[in-house]
Amino acid sequence: MKIVMLGAPGAGKGTQAIKISEKYNIPHISTGDIFRSNIKQGTELGTEAKKYMDQGLLVPDELVVALVADRITKEDCKDGFVLDGFPRTIPQAEALDKELEKIEEKIDFAIEVDVKDENIIKRMAGRRACVDCGATYHIEYAPTKVEGICDQCGGKLILRDDDKPETVQKRLQVYHEQTRPLIEYYNGHNILKTVDGAIGIEDVFNNIVEILGA
């Protein structure tokens, strides 16, 4: 089962991707996590990606396509995977399809988690990330046991630059211009499914499971 998660930044597609990964025992592949790991390690890729992420811009195709193409050919992806944060543009989607064709595979489902912009801005302003391990929380929906302290490693929590309202607004603008067209792309391939992301997390997940099959 090969799945692409779609939706605006902060719509909750990452949360749902993790839940899908756990239920169906397939890898959750997040380019965001890969980038953050590289940024923390100070790699050349991480430094380059950070320049774009801090401005709320998309990381260029050449920095991500080869990385994802290599990842989906790993042994743990033989039964499927769930992609979170990729593809973000039509050219990336086309590149992904070509890579899958090489191994005689294709995307089975493109799932859109749909949330209005104003709800996303409010939601992301409450997000907090650990400066040490990268774990994310929300001051309202998923708070830590101790305010400002990571449950996993005890690190300090911060509001990331790309979660600040002014940056989120810019990210949403970029999303509508460059990523939103993927909805029509996958609809044209007859694999698009849309769920309401404004309802409870478990309710969203139950709707996705109904689409994918138990």
N, C-alpha and C. Protein backbone atom coordinates (compact mmCIF):
# COMPACT_ATOMS: atom_id res chain seq x y z
N MET A 1 0.85 -1.20 0.00
CA MET A 1 0.00 0.00 0.00
C MET A 1 0.88 1.24 0.00
N LYS A 2 0.88 1.95 -1.09
CA LYS A 2 1.73 3.14 -1.25
C LYS A 2 0.85 4.39 -1.22
N ILE A 3 1.10 5.24 -0.23
CA ILE A 3 0.20 6.35 0.06
C ILE A 3 0.94 7.68 0.04
N VAL A 4 0.31 8.70 -0.52
CA VAL A 4 0.80 10.07 -0.47
C VAL A 4 -0.19 10.88 0.38
N MET A 5 0.33 11.62 1.37
CA MET A 5 -0.51 12.47 2.18
C MET A 5 -0.46 13.90 1.64
N LEU A 6 -1.63 14.50 1.47
CA LEU A 6 -1.74 15.86 0.95
C LEU A 6 -2.46 16.75 1.95
N GLY A 7 -2.21 18.05 1.86
CA GLY A 7 -2.87 19.00 2.74
C GLY A 7 -1.93 20.15 3.05
N ALA A 8 -2.51 21.25 3.47
CA ALA A 8 -1.73 22.45 3.78
C ALA A 8 -0.83 22.21 4.99
N PRO A 9 0.22 23.04 5.15
CA PRO A 9 1.06 22.94 6.35
C PRO A 9 0.20 23.10 7.60
N GLY A 10 0.32 22.17 8.54
CA GLY A 10 -0.45 22.27 9.77
C GLY A 10 -1.82 21.64 9.71
N ALA A 11 -2.15 20.99 8.60
CA ALA A 11 -3.47 20.37 8.47
C ALA A 11 -3.58 19.09 9.29
N GLY A 12 -2.43 18.55 9.68
CA GLY A 12 -2.44 17.33 10.50
C GLY A 12 -2.10 16.08 9.73
N LYS A 13 -1.63 16.24 8.50
CA LYS A 13 -1.33 15.06 7.68
C LYS A 13 -0.17 14.24 8.26
N GLY A 14 0.78 14.93 8.93
CA GLY A 14 1.89 14.22 9.55
C GLY A 14 1.43 13.29 10.66
N THR A 15 0.53 13.79 11.50
CA THR A 15 -0.04 12.99 12.59
C THR A 15 -0.75 11.77 12.03
N GLN A 16 -1.53 11.96 10.98
CA GLN A 16 -2.26 10.85 10.38
C GLN A 16 -1.32 9.88 9.69
N ALA A 17 -0.24 10.40 9.09
CA ALA A 17 0.73 9.53 8.43
C ALA A 17 1.37 8.57 9.44
N ILE A 18 1.69 9.09 10.63
CA ILE A 18 2.28 8.25 11.68
C ILE A 18 1.31 7.16 12.10
N LYS A 19 0.04 7.51 12.26
CA LYS A 19 -0.97 6.54 12.67
C LYS A 19 -1.18 5.47 11.59
N ILE A 20 -1.14 5.89 10.33
CA ILE A 20 -1.26 4.94 9.22
C ILE A 20 -0.07 3.98 9.23
N SER A 21 1.12 4.55 9.44
CA SER A 21 2.34 3.75 9.48
C SER A 21 2.27 2.68 10.56
N GLU A 22 1.77 3.06 11.73
CA GLU A 22 1.69 2.12 12.85
C GLU A 22 0.64 1.04 12.61
N LYS A 23 -0.50 1.41 12.08
CA LYS A 23 -1.58 0.44 11.87
C LYS A 23 -1.24 -0.57 10.77
N TYR A 24 -0.67 -0.08 9.68
CA TYR A 24 -0.43 -0.95 8.53
C TYR A 24 1.01 -1.45 8.44
N ASN A 25 1.84 -1.07 9.44
CA ASN A 25 3.22 -1.53 9.51
C ASN A 25 4.01 -1.23 8.23
N ILE A 26 3.90 0.01 7.79
CA ILE A 26 4.67 0.49 6.63
C ILE A 26 5.43 1.75 7.05
N PRO A 27 6.59 2.03 6.44
CA PRO A 27 7.39 3.18 6.86
C PRO A 27 6.70 4.52 6.64
N HIS A 28 6.87 5.40 7.61
CA HIS A 28 6.42 6.79 7.48
C HIS A 28 7.62 7.58 6.99
N ILE A 29 7.55 8.08 5.77
CA ILE A 29 8.68 8.79 5.17
C ILE A 29 8.36 10.28 5.13
N SER A 30 9.04 11.04 5.99
CA SER A 30 8.80 12.48 6.09
C SER A 30 10.05 13.23 5.67
N THR A 31 9.95 13.98 4.61
CA THR A 31 11.09 14.79 4.17
C THR A 31 11.41 15.86 5.21
N GLY A 32 10.39 16.32 5.91
CA GLY A 32 10.61 17.32 6.96
C GLY A 32 11.55 16.80 8.04
N ASP A 33 11.33 15.55 8.47
CA ASP A 33 12.19 14.94 9.48
C ASP A 33 13.62 14.79 8.96
N ILE A 34 13.72 14.38 7.69
CA ILE A 34 15.05 14.21 7.08
C ILE A 34 15.78 15.54 7.04
N PHE A 35 15.08 16.59 6.64
CA PHE A 35 15.70 17.91 6.58
C PHE A 35 16.15 18.38 7.97
N ARG A 36 15.25 18.22 8.95
CA ARG A 36 15.58 18.68 10.31
C ARG A 36 16.78 17.92 10.88
N SER A 37 16.86 16.63 10.56
CA SER A 37 17.99 15.83 10.99
C SER A 37 19.29 16.37 10.39
N ASN A 38 19.24 16.70 9.10
CA ASN A 38 20.42 17.24 8.42
C ASN A 38 20.79 18.62 8.94
N ILE A 39 19.78 19.42 9.27
CA ILE A 39 20.02 20.76 9.83
C ILE A 39 20.73 20.64 11.18
N LYS A 40 20.23 19.73 12.01
CA LYS A 40 20.82 19.54 13.34
C LYS A 40 22.28 19.07 13.22
N GLN A 41 22.55 18.21 12.21
CA GLN A 41 23.89 17.68 12.03
C GLN A 41 24.81 18.67 11.29
N GLY A 42 24.21 19.74 10.77
CA GLY A 42 25.00 20.75 10.08
C GLY A 42 25.54 20.32 8.73
N THR A 43 24.83 19.39 8.08
CA THR A 43 25.29 18.92 6.77
C THR A 43 25.06 20.00 5.72
N GLU A 44 25.70 19.81 4.57
CA GLU A 44 25.55 20.76 3.47
C GLU A 44 24.09 20.83 3.03
N LEU A 45 23.44 19.66 2.93
CA LEU A 45 22.03 19.61 2.55
C LEU A 45 21.16 20.33 3.57
N GLY A 46 21.45 20.09 4.85
CA GLY A 46 20.68 20.73 5.90
C GLY A 46 20.81 22.24 5.90
N THR A 47 22.03 22.72 5.71
CA THR A 47 22.27 24.16 5.66
C THR A 47 21.52 24.80 4.51
N GLU A 48 21.55 24.13 3.35
CA GLU A 48 20.87 24.66 2.17
C GLU A 48 19.35 24.62 2.36
N ALA A 49 18.84 23.52 2.90
CA ALA A 49 17.40 23.38 3.11
C ALA A 49 16.89 24.41 4.11
N LYS A 50 17.69 24.70 5.16
CA LYS A 50 17.27 25.64 6.21
C LYS A 50 17.02 27.04 5.65
N LYS A 51 17.82 27.44 4.65
CA LYS A 51 17.65 28.75 4.04
C LYS A 51 16.23 28.92 3.51
N TYR A 52 15.71 27.86 2.92
CA TYR A 52 14.37 27.91 2.34
C TYR A 52 13.29 27.74 3.40
N MET A 53 13.49 26.78 4.31
CA MET A 53 12.49 26.49 5.33
C MET A 53 12.24 27.67 6.25
N ASP A 54 13.31 28.40 6.62
CA ASP A 54 13.17 29.55 7.51
C ASP A 54 12.36 30.67 6.89
N GLN A 55 12.32 30.70 5.55
CA GLN A 55 11.55 31.73 4.84
C GLN A 55 10.16 31.24 4.46
N GLY A 56 9.85 29.98 4.82
CA GLY A 56 8.55 29.43 4.47
C GLY A 56 8.45 29.04 3.01
N LEU A 57 9.60 28.85 2.36
CA LEU A 57 9.62 28.49 0.94
C LEU A 57 9.85 26.99 0.78
N LEU A 58 9.51 26.48 -0.40
CA LEU A 58 9.73 25.07 -0.69
C LEU A 58 11.21 24.81 -0.98
N VAL A 59 11.69 23.67 -0.49
CA VAL A 59 13.05 23.25 -0.81
C VAL A 59 13.07 22.79 -2.28
N PRO A 60 14.05 23.23 -3.08
CA PRO A 60 14.09 22.89 -4.50
C PRO A 60 14.05 21.39 -4.78
N ASP A 61 13.46 21.03 -5.90
CA ASP A 61 13.27 19.63 -6.27
C ASP A 61 14.55 18.81 -6.20
N GLU A 62 15.65 19.37 -6.73
CA GLU A 62 16.88 18.58 -6.83
C GLU A 62 17.42 18.15 -5.47
N LEU A 63 17.02 18.84 -4.39
CA LEU A 63 17.47 18.48 -3.05
C LEU A 63 16.65 17.35 -2.43
N VAL A 64 15.48 17.10 -2.99
CA VAL A 64 14.61 16.11 -2.36
C VAL A 64 14.29 14.88 -3.21
N VAL A 65 14.21 15.03 -4.52
CA VAL A 65 13.78 13.92 -5.38
C VAL A 65 14.70 12.71 -5.26
N ALA A 66 16.01 12.91 -5.37
CA ALA A 66 16.97 11.80 -5.30
C ALA A 66 16.91 11.13 -3.93
N LEU A 67 16.74 11.94 -2.89
CA LEU A 67 16.67 11.42 -1.52
C LEU A 67 15.47 10.49 -1.35
N VAL A 68 14.30 10.94 -1.81
CA VAL A 68 13.09 10.13 -1.69
C VAL A 68 13.15 8.90 -2.59
N ALA A 69 13.67 9.08 -3.80
CA ALA A 69 13.77 7.97 -4.75
C ALA A 69 14.61 6.84 -4.16
N ASP A 70 15.70 7.20 -3.49
CA ASP A 70 16.55 6.19 -2.86
C ASP A 70 15.82 5.52 -1.70
N ARG A 71 15.09 6.32 -0.92
CA ARG A 71 14.42 5.80 0.29
C ARG A 71 13.36 4.76 -0.04
N ILE A 72 12.58 4.98 -1.10
CA ILE A 72 11.46 4.08 -1.37
C ILE A 72 11.89 2.75 -1.98
N THR A 73 13.17 2.63 -2.31
CA THR A 73 13.66 1.34 -2.83
C THR A 73 14.24 0.47 -1.73
N LYS A 74 14.25 0.95 -0.48
CA LYS A 74 14.78 0.18 0.64
C LYS A 74 13.88 -1.01 0.94
N GLU A 75 14.47 -2.02 1.58
CA GLU A 75 13.77 -3.28 1.86
C GLU A 75 12.49 -3.07 2.68
N ASP A 76 12.52 -2.12 3.63
CA ASP A 76 11.36 -1.93 4.49
C ASP A 76 10.16 -1.32 3.77
N CYS A 77 10.37 -0.90 2.51
CA CYS A 77 9.28 -0.30 1.74
C CYS A 77 8.62 -1.31 0.79
N LYS A 78 9.04 -2.55 0.87
CA LYS A 78 8.55 -3.53 -0.10
C LYS A 78 7.03 -3.76 -0.01
N ASP A 79 6.46 -3.56 1.18
CA ASP A 79 5.01 -3.72 1.35
C ASP A 79 4.26 -2.40 1.30
N GLY A 80 5.01 -1.31 1.04
CA GLY A 80 4.37 0.00 0.94
C GLY A 80 5.03 1.03 1.83
N PHE A 81 4.47 2.24 1.80
CA PHE A 81 4.99 3.35 2.59
C PHE A 81 3.95 4.46 2.59
N VAL A 82 4.13 5.41 3.49
CA VAL A 82 3.26 6.59 3.50
C VAL A 82 4.18 7.81 3.44
N LEU A 83 4.03 8.60 2.37
CA LEU A 83 4.85 9.78 2.15
C LEU A 83 4.19 11.01 2.75
N ASP A 84 4.96 11.74 3.54
CA ASP A 84 4.45 12.91 4.25
C ASP A 84 5.36 14.10 3.94
N GLY A 85 4.85 15.08 3.18
CA GLY A 85 5.65 16.24 2.82
C GLY A 85 6.28 16.14 1.45
N PHE A 86 5.99 15.08 0.75
CA PHE A 86 6.49 14.87 -0.62
C PHE A 86 5.49 13.97 -1.34
N PRO A 87 5.16 14.28 -2.60
CA PRO A 87 5.60 15.43 -3.39
C PRO A 87 4.88 16.72 -2.98
N ARG A 88 5.50 17.85 -3.35
CA ARG A 88 4.90 19.16 -3.07
C ARG A 88 4.60 19.94 -4.34
N THR A 89 5.06 19.45 -5.46
CA THR A 89 4.81 20.12 -6.74
C THR A 89 4.49 19.06 -7.80
N ILE A 90 3.90 19.50 -8.90
CA ILE A 90 3.60 18.58 -9.99
C ILE A 90 4.88 17.90 -10.52
N PRO A 91 5.98 18.65 -10.76
CA PRO A 91 7.20 17.99 -11.23
C PRO A 91 7.70 16.91 -10.25
N GLN A 92 7.58 17.16 -8.94
CA GLN A 92 7.98 16.15 -7.97
C GLN A 92 7.09 14.92 -8.07
N ALA A 93 5.79 15.13 -8.25
CA ALA A 93 4.86 14.01 -8.38
C ALA A 93 5.17 13.19 -9.63
N GLU A 94 5.47 13.88 -10.70
CA GLU A 94 5.83 13.19 -11.95
C GLU A 94 7.13 12.41 -11.78
N ALA A 95 8.11 13.01 -11.07
CA ALA A 95 9.38 12.33 -10.82
C ALA A 95 9.17 11.09 -9.97
N LEU A 96 8.29 11.20 -8.97
CA LEU A 96 7.97 10.06 -8.11
C LEU A 96 7.34 8.93 -8.93
N ASP A 97 6.39 9.28 -9.78
CA ASP A 97 5.74 8.27 -10.62
C ASP A 97 6.74 7.53 -11.50
N LYS A 98 7.69 8.28 -12.04
CA LYS A 98 8.71 7.68 -12.91
C LYS A 98 9.61 6.72 -12.12
N GLU A 99 9.97 7.11 -10.90
CA GLU A 99 10.80 6.24 -10.07
C GLU A 99 10.06 4.96 -9.71
N LEU A 100 8.78 5.08 -9.43
CA LEU A 100 7.97 3.91 -9.09
C LEU A 100 7.79 3.00 -10.31
N GLU A 101 7.65 3.60 -11.48
CA GLU A 101 7.51 2.81 -12.70
C GLU A 101 8.73 1.92 -12.92
N LYS A 102 9.90 2.42 -12.53
CA LYS A 102 11.15 1.65 -12.70
C LYS A 102 11.10 0.34 -11.93
N ILE A 103 10.38 0.32 -10.82
CA ILE A 103 10.26 -0.90 -10.02
C ILE A 103 8.86 -1.50 -10.15
N GLU A 104 8.16 -1.08 -11.22
CA GLU A 104 6.83 -1.60 -11.56
C GLU A 104 5.83 -1.43 -10.42
N GLU A 105 5.86 -0.24 -9.83
CA GLU A 105 4.93 0.09 -8.76
C GLU A 105 4.25 1.42 -9.07
N LYS A 106 3.24 1.78 -8.25
CA LYS A 106 2.56 3.06 -8.40
C LYS A 106 1.93 3.46 -7.07
N ILE A 107 1.56 4.74 -6.95
CA ILE A 107 0.87 5.22 -5.76
C ILE A 107 -0.57 4.67 -5.77
N ASP A 108 -1.01 4.13 -4.63
CA ASP A 108 -2.35 3.55 -4.53
C ASP A 108 -3.39 4.56 -4.06
N PHE A 109 -3.01 5.42 -3.11
CA PHE A 109 -3.94 6.41 -2.56
C PHE A 109 -3.24 7.75 -2.35
N ALA A 110 -3.91 8.83 -2.70
CA ALA A 110 -3.49 10.18 -2.34
C ALA A 110 -4.57 10.72 -1.43
N ILE A 111 -4.24 10.91 -0.17
CA ILE A 111 -5.24 11.31 0.83
C ILE A 111 -5.05 12.77 1.22
N GLU A 112 -6.06 13.58 0.97
CA GLU A 112 -6.02 15.00 1.32
C GLU A 112 -6.68 15.23 2.67
N VAL A 113 -5.94 15.84 3.60
CA VAL A 113 -6.50 16.25 4.89
C VAL A 113 -6.84 17.73 4.74
N ASP A 114 -8.12 18.03 4.67
CA ASP A 114 -8.59 19.37 4.31
C ASP A 114 -8.93 20.21 5.55
N VAL A 115 -8.25 21.35 5.70
CA VAL A 115 -8.51 22.29 6.81
C VAL A 115 -8.43 23.71 6.27
N LYS A 116 -9.33 24.59 6.72
CA LYS A 116 -9.33 25.98 6.27
C LYS A 116 -8.09 26.72 6.78
N ASP A 117 -7.64 27.71 6.00
CA ASP A 117 -6.43 28.46 6.33
C ASP A 117 -6.48 29.09 7.72
N GLU A 118 -7.61 29.72 8.08
CA GLU A 118 -7.67 30.42 9.36
C GLU A 118 -7.52 29.45 10.54
N ASN A 119 -8.02 28.23 10.37
CA ASN A 119 -7.87 27.23 11.42
C ASN A 119 -6.42 26.77 11.54
N ILE A 120 -5.74 26.69 10.40
CA ILE A 120 -4.33 26.27 10.38
C ILE A 120 -3.44 27.29 11.08
N ILE A 121 -3.66 28.57 10.80
CA ILE A 121 -2.84 29.63 11.42
C ILE A 121 -2.96 29.57 12.94
N LYS A 122 -4.17 29.40 13.44
CA LYS A 122 -4.39 29.31 14.88
C LYS A 122 -3.74 28.04 15.44
N ARG A 123 -3.88 26.95 14.72
CA ARG A 123 -3.36 25.66 15.17
C ARG A 123 -1.83 25.68 15.26
N MET A 124 -1.17 26.22 14.23
CA MET A 124 0.29 26.18 14.18
C MET A 124 0.94 27.14 15.16
N ALA A 125 0.23 28.21 15.52
CA ALA A 125 0.77 29.16 16.49
C ALA A 125 0.94 28.51 17.86
N GLY A 126 0.23 27.40 18.07
CA GLY A 126 0.31 26.70 19.35
C GLY A 126 1.30 25.55 19.35
N ARG A 127 1.95 25.30 18.21
CA ARG A 127 2.90 24.20 18.14
C ARG A 127 4.22 24.55 18.82
N ARG A 128 4.84 23.56 19.41
CA ARG A 128 6.15 23.74 20.02
C ARG A 128 7.03 22.55 19.64
N ALA A 129 8.32 22.82 19.42
CA ALA A 129 9.26 21.77 19.03
C ALA A 129 10.44 21.74 19.99
N CYS A 130 10.94 20.54 20.24
CA CYS A 130 12.10 20.37 21.12
C CYS A 130 13.37 20.73 20.36
N VAL A 131 14.21 21.56 20.97
CA VAL A 131 15.45 21.98 20.30
C VAL A 131 16.47 20.85 20.24
N ASP A 132 16.29 19.82 21.06
CA ASP A 132 17.26 18.72 21.10
C ASP A 132 16.88 17.53 20.23
N CYS A 133 15.65 16.99 20.41
CA CYS A 133 15.28 15.77 19.68
C CYS A 133 14.30 16.02 18.54
N GLY A 134 13.73 17.23 18.47
CA GLY A 134 12.83 17.55 17.37
C GLY A 134 11.38 17.15 17.58
N ALA A 135 11.06 16.53 18.71
CA ALA A 135 9.68 16.12 18.99
C ALA A 135 8.77 17.35 18.99
N THR A 136 7.55 17.19 18.50
CA THR A 136 6.63 18.33 18.42
C THR A 136 5.42 18.12 19.33
N TYR A 137 4.90 19.23 19.83
CA TYR A 137 3.76 19.22 20.74
C TYR A 137 2.84 20.39 20.37
N HIS A 138 1.72 20.49 21.08
CA HIS A 138 0.82 21.63 20.91
C HIS A 138 0.32 22.04 22.28
N ILE A 139 0.37 23.34 22.55
CA ILE A 139 0.03 23.82 23.89
C ILE A 139 -1.42 23.54 24.26
N GLU A 140 -2.28 23.34 23.26
CA GLU A 140 -3.70 23.06 23.53
C GLU A 140 -4.07 21.61 23.27
N TYR A 141 -3.65 21.09 22.11
CA TYR A 141 -4.10 19.75 21.70
C TYR A 141 -3.19 18.61 22.16
N ALA A 142 -1.90 18.89 22.33
CA ALA A 142 -0.96 17.84 22.74
C ALA A 142 0.12 18.44 23.63
N PRO A 143 -0.25 18.91 24.81
CA PRO A 143 0.72 19.57 25.69
C PRO A 143 1.68 18.59 26.35
N THR A 144 2.82 19.12 26.79
CA THR A 144 3.78 18.30 27.53
C THR A 144 3.34 18.20 28.99
N LYS A 145 3.92 17.24 29.69
CA LYS A 145 3.58 17.06 31.10
C LYS A 145 4.04 18.27 31.92
N VAL A 146 5.24 18.77 31.55
CA VAL A 146 5.77 19.98 32.19
C VAL A 146 5.88 21.06 31.11
N GLU A 147 5.26 22.21 31.36
CA GLU A 147 5.22 23.27 30.34
C GLU A 147 6.63 23.68 29.89
N GLY A 148 6.82 23.68 28.57
CA GLY A 148 8.08 24.12 28.01
C GLY A 148 9.20 23.10 28.00
N ILE A 149 8.90 21.87 28.50
CA ILE A 149 9.93 20.82 28.59
C ILE A 149 9.48 19.58 27.81
N CYS A 150 10.37 19.05 26.97
CA CYS A 150 10.06 17.88 26.15
C CYS A 150 9.84 16.63 27.01
N ASP A 151 8.76 15.90 26.76
CA ASP A 151 8.48 14.66 27.49
C ASP A 151 9.51 13.59 27.20
N GLN A 152 10.06 13.60 25.99
CA GLN A 152 10.93 12.51 25.56
C GLN A 152 12.37 12.65 26.06
N CYS A 153 12.93 13.88 25.98
CA CYS A 153 14.34 14.02 26.34
C CYS A 153 14.62 15.12 27.36
N GLY A 154 13.60 15.89 27.74
CA GLY A 154 13.81 16.95 28.72
C GLY A 154 14.35 18.24 28.14
N GLY A 155 14.39 18.30 26.79
CA GLY A 155 14.91 19.49 26.13
C GLY A 155 13.93 20.66 26.20
N LYS A 156 14.42 21.83 25.83
CA LYS A 156 13.60 23.05 25.85
C LYS A 156 12.72 23.10 24.60
N LEU A 157 11.48 23.55 24.77
CA LEU A 157 10.56 23.69 23.65
C LEU A 157 10.54 25.13 23.13
N ILE A 158 10.45 25.26 21.81
CA ILE A 158 10.39 26.59 21.20
C ILE A 158 9.29 26.65 20.15
N LEU A 159 8.88 27.86 19.81
CA LEU A 159 8.01 28.08 18.66
C LEU A 159 8.94 28.26 17.47
N ARG A 160 8.95 27.29 16.56
CA ARG A 160 9.85 27.36 15.41
C ARG A 160 9.49 28.54 14.52
N ASP A 161 10.51 29.08 13.85
CA ASP A 161 10.29 30.21 12.94
C ASP A 161 9.22 29.90 11.91
N ASP A 162 9.22 28.65 11.40
CA ASP A 162 8.25 28.32 10.34
C ASP A 162 6.85 28.04 10.88
N ASP A 163 6.65 28.16 12.22
CA ASP A 163 5.32 28.03 12.80
C ASP A 163 4.74 29.38 13.23
N LYS A 164 5.54 30.45 13.13
CA LYS A 164 5.05 31.78 13.50
C LYS A 164 4.00 32.25 12.49
N PRO A 165 2.96 32.97 12.95
CA PRO A 165 1.84 33.35 12.08
C PRO A 165 2.24 33.98 10.75
N GLU A 166 3.22 34.90 10.77
CA GLU A 166 3.60 35.56 9.53
C GLU A 166 4.25 34.59 8.54
N THR A 167 5.00 33.62 9.08
CA THR A 167 5.62 32.62 8.21
C THR A 167 4.59 31.62 7.73
N VAL A 168 3.66 31.25 8.61
CA VAL A 168 2.59 30.31 8.22
C VAL A 168 1.77 30.89 7.08
N GLN A 169 1.46 32.18 7.16
CA GLN A 169 0.70 32.85 6.11
C GLN A 169 1.43 32.72 4.77
N LYS A 170 2.74 32.90 4.82
CA LYS A 170 3.54 32.80 3.59
C LYS A 170 3.58 31.36 3.10
N ARG A 171 3.70 30.42 4.04
CA ARG A 171 3.72 29.00 3.67
C ARG A 171 2.40 28.59 3.02
N LEU A 172 1.30 29.12 3.54
CA LEU A 172 -0.01 28.81 2.96
C LEU A 172 -0.14 29.37 1.55
N GLN A 173 0.41 30.56 1.35
CA GLN A 173 0.39 31.16 0.02
C GLN A 173 1.17 30.29 -0.97
N VAL A 174 2.34 29.84 -0.53
CA VAL A 174 3.16 28.96 -1.38
C VAL A 174 2.41 27.65 -1.64
N TYR A 175 1.76 27.12 -0.60
CA TYR A 175 0.99 25.88 -0.75
C TYR A 175 -0.08 26.01 -1.83
N HIS A 176 -0.85 27.09 -1.75
CA HIS A 176 -1.94 27.26 -2.72
C HIS A 176 -1.42 27.44 -4.14
N GLU A 177 -0.27 28.08 -4.25
CA GLU A 177 0.29 28.33 -5.58
C GLU A 177 0.97 27.10 -6.18
N GLN A 178 1.72 26.36 -5.35
CA GLN A 178 2.57 25.30 -5.88
C GLN A 178 2.14 23.88 -5.54
N THR A 179 1.53 23.69 -4.37
CA THR A 179 1.21 22.33 -3.94
C THR A 179 -0.26 21.96 -4.16
N ARG A 180 -1.14 22.92 -4.01
CA ARG A 180 -2.57 22.66 -4.19
C ARG A 180 -2.89 22.00 -5.54
N PRO A 181 -2.17 22.34 -6.63
CA PRO A 181 -2.45 21.68 -7.91
C PRO A 181 -2.31 20.16 -7.88
N LEU A 182 -1.62 19.62 -6.87
CA LEU A 182 -1.50 18.17 -6.75
C LEU A 182 -2.86 17.51 -6.53
N ILE A 183 -3.79 18.26 -5.94
CA ILE A 183 -5.13 17.72 -5.72
C ILE A 183 -5.74 17.30 -7.07
N GLU A 184 -5.63 18.18 -8.04
CA GLU A 184 -6.17 17.87 -9.37
C GLU A 184 -5.34 16.79 -10.06
N TYR A 185 -4.03 16.82 -9.82
CA TYR A 185 -3.13 15.82 -10.44
C TYR A 185 -3.55 14.41 -10.03
N TYR A 186 -3.71 14.20 -8.74
CA TYR A 186 -4.06 12.86 -8.26
C TYR A 186 -5.53 12.52 -8.50
N ASN A 187 -6.37 13.56 -8.54
CA ASN A 187 -7.76 13.33 -8.89
C ASN A 187 -7.85 12.80 -10.32
N GLY A 188 -6.97 13.34 -11.17
CA GLY A 188 -6.92 12.89 -12.56
C GLY A 188 -6.45 11.46 -12.69
N HIS A 189 -5.71 10.97 -11.67
CA HIS A 189 -5.26 9.58 -11.66
C HIS A 189 -6.26 8.66 -10.94
N ASN A 190 -7.38 9.27 -10.51
CA ASN A 190 -8.47 8.52 -9.84
C ASN A 190 -8.03 7.84 -8.54
N ILE A 191 -7.10 8.47 -7.82
CA ILE A 191 -6.68 7.88 -6.54
C ILE A 191 -6.82 8.88 -5.38
N LEU A 192 -7.40 10.06 -5.65
CA LEU A 192 -7.55 11.07 -4.60
C LEU A 192 -8.74 10.79 -3.70
N LYS A 193 -8.50 10.88 -2.38
CA LYS A 193 -9.55 10.78 -1.38
C LYS A 193 -9.39 11.95 -0.42
N THR A 194 -10.48 12.62 -0.06
CA THR A 194 -10.42 13.79 0.81
C THR A 194 -11.14 13.52 2.13
N VAL A 195 -10.50 13.89 3.25
CA VAL A 195 -11.13 13.78 4.57
C VAL A 195 -11.13 15.15 5.23
N ASP A 196 -12.10 15.40 6.09
CA ASP A 196 -12.20 16.66 6.82
C ASP A 196 -11.19 16.63 7.97
N GLY A 197 -10.18 17.51 7.92
CA GLY A 197 -9.14 17.53 8.94
C GLY A 197 -9.47 18.41 10.14
N ALA A 198 -10.65 19.05 10.13
CA ALA A 198 -11.01 19.96 11.22
C ALA A 198 -11.68 19.23 12.38
N ILE A 199 -12.00 17.95 12.18
CA ILE A 199 -12.63 17.18 13.26
C ILE A 199 -11.54 16.55 14.13
N GLY A 200 -11.92 15.76 15.12
CA GLY A 200 -10.95 15.16 16.03
C GLY A 200 -9.97 14.24 15.33
N ILE A 201 -8.77 14.12 15.89
CA ILE A 201 -7.71 13.31 15.29
C ILE A 201 -8.16 11.87 15.06
N GLU A 202 -8.79 11.27 16.05
CA GLU A 202 -9.23 9.87 15.91
C GLU A 202 -10.33 9.74 14.87
N ASP A 203 -11.20 10.74 14.79
CA ASP A 203 -12.27 10.71 13.79
C ASP A 203 -11.70 10.81 12.38
N VAL A 204 -10.69 11.66 12.22
CA VAL A 204 -10.02 11.78 10.92
C VAL A 204 -9.40 10.43 10.56
N PHE A 205 -8.73 9.82 11.53
CA PHE A 205 -8.06 8.54 11.28
C PHE A 205 -9.05 7.44 10.92
N ASN A 206 -10.15 7.42 11.63
CA ASN A 206 -11.18 6.40 11.33
C ASN A 206 -11.70 6.55 9.91
N ASN A 207 -11.84 7.80 9.46
CA ASN A 207 -12.30 8.02 8.09
C ASN A 207 -11.26 7.55 7.08
N ILE A 208 -9.97 7.74 7.42
CA ILE A 208 -8.90 7.29 6.53
C ILE A 208 -8.86 5.77 6.46
N VAL A 209 -9.00 5.13 7.62
CA VAL A 209 -8.99 3.66 7.66
C VAL A 209 -10.13 3.08 6.82
N GLU A 210 -11.27 3.77 6.88
CA GLU A 210 -12.41 3.33 6.08
C GLU A 210 -12.08 3.38 4.59
N ILE A 211 -11.31 4.39 4.20
CA ILE A 211 -10.89 4.52 2.80
C ILE A 211 -9.89 3.43 2.42
N LEU A 212 -8.90 3.22 3.30
CA LEU A 212 -7.82 2.27 3.01
C LEU A 212 -8.26 0.82 3.17
N GLY A 213 -9.20 0.61 4.05
CA GLY A 213 -9.62 -0.76 4.35
C GLY A 213 -8.91 -1.24 5.60
N ALA A 214 -9.64 -1.93 6.47
CA ALA A 214 -9.09 -2.37 7.76
C ALA A 214 -8.00 -3.41 7.58
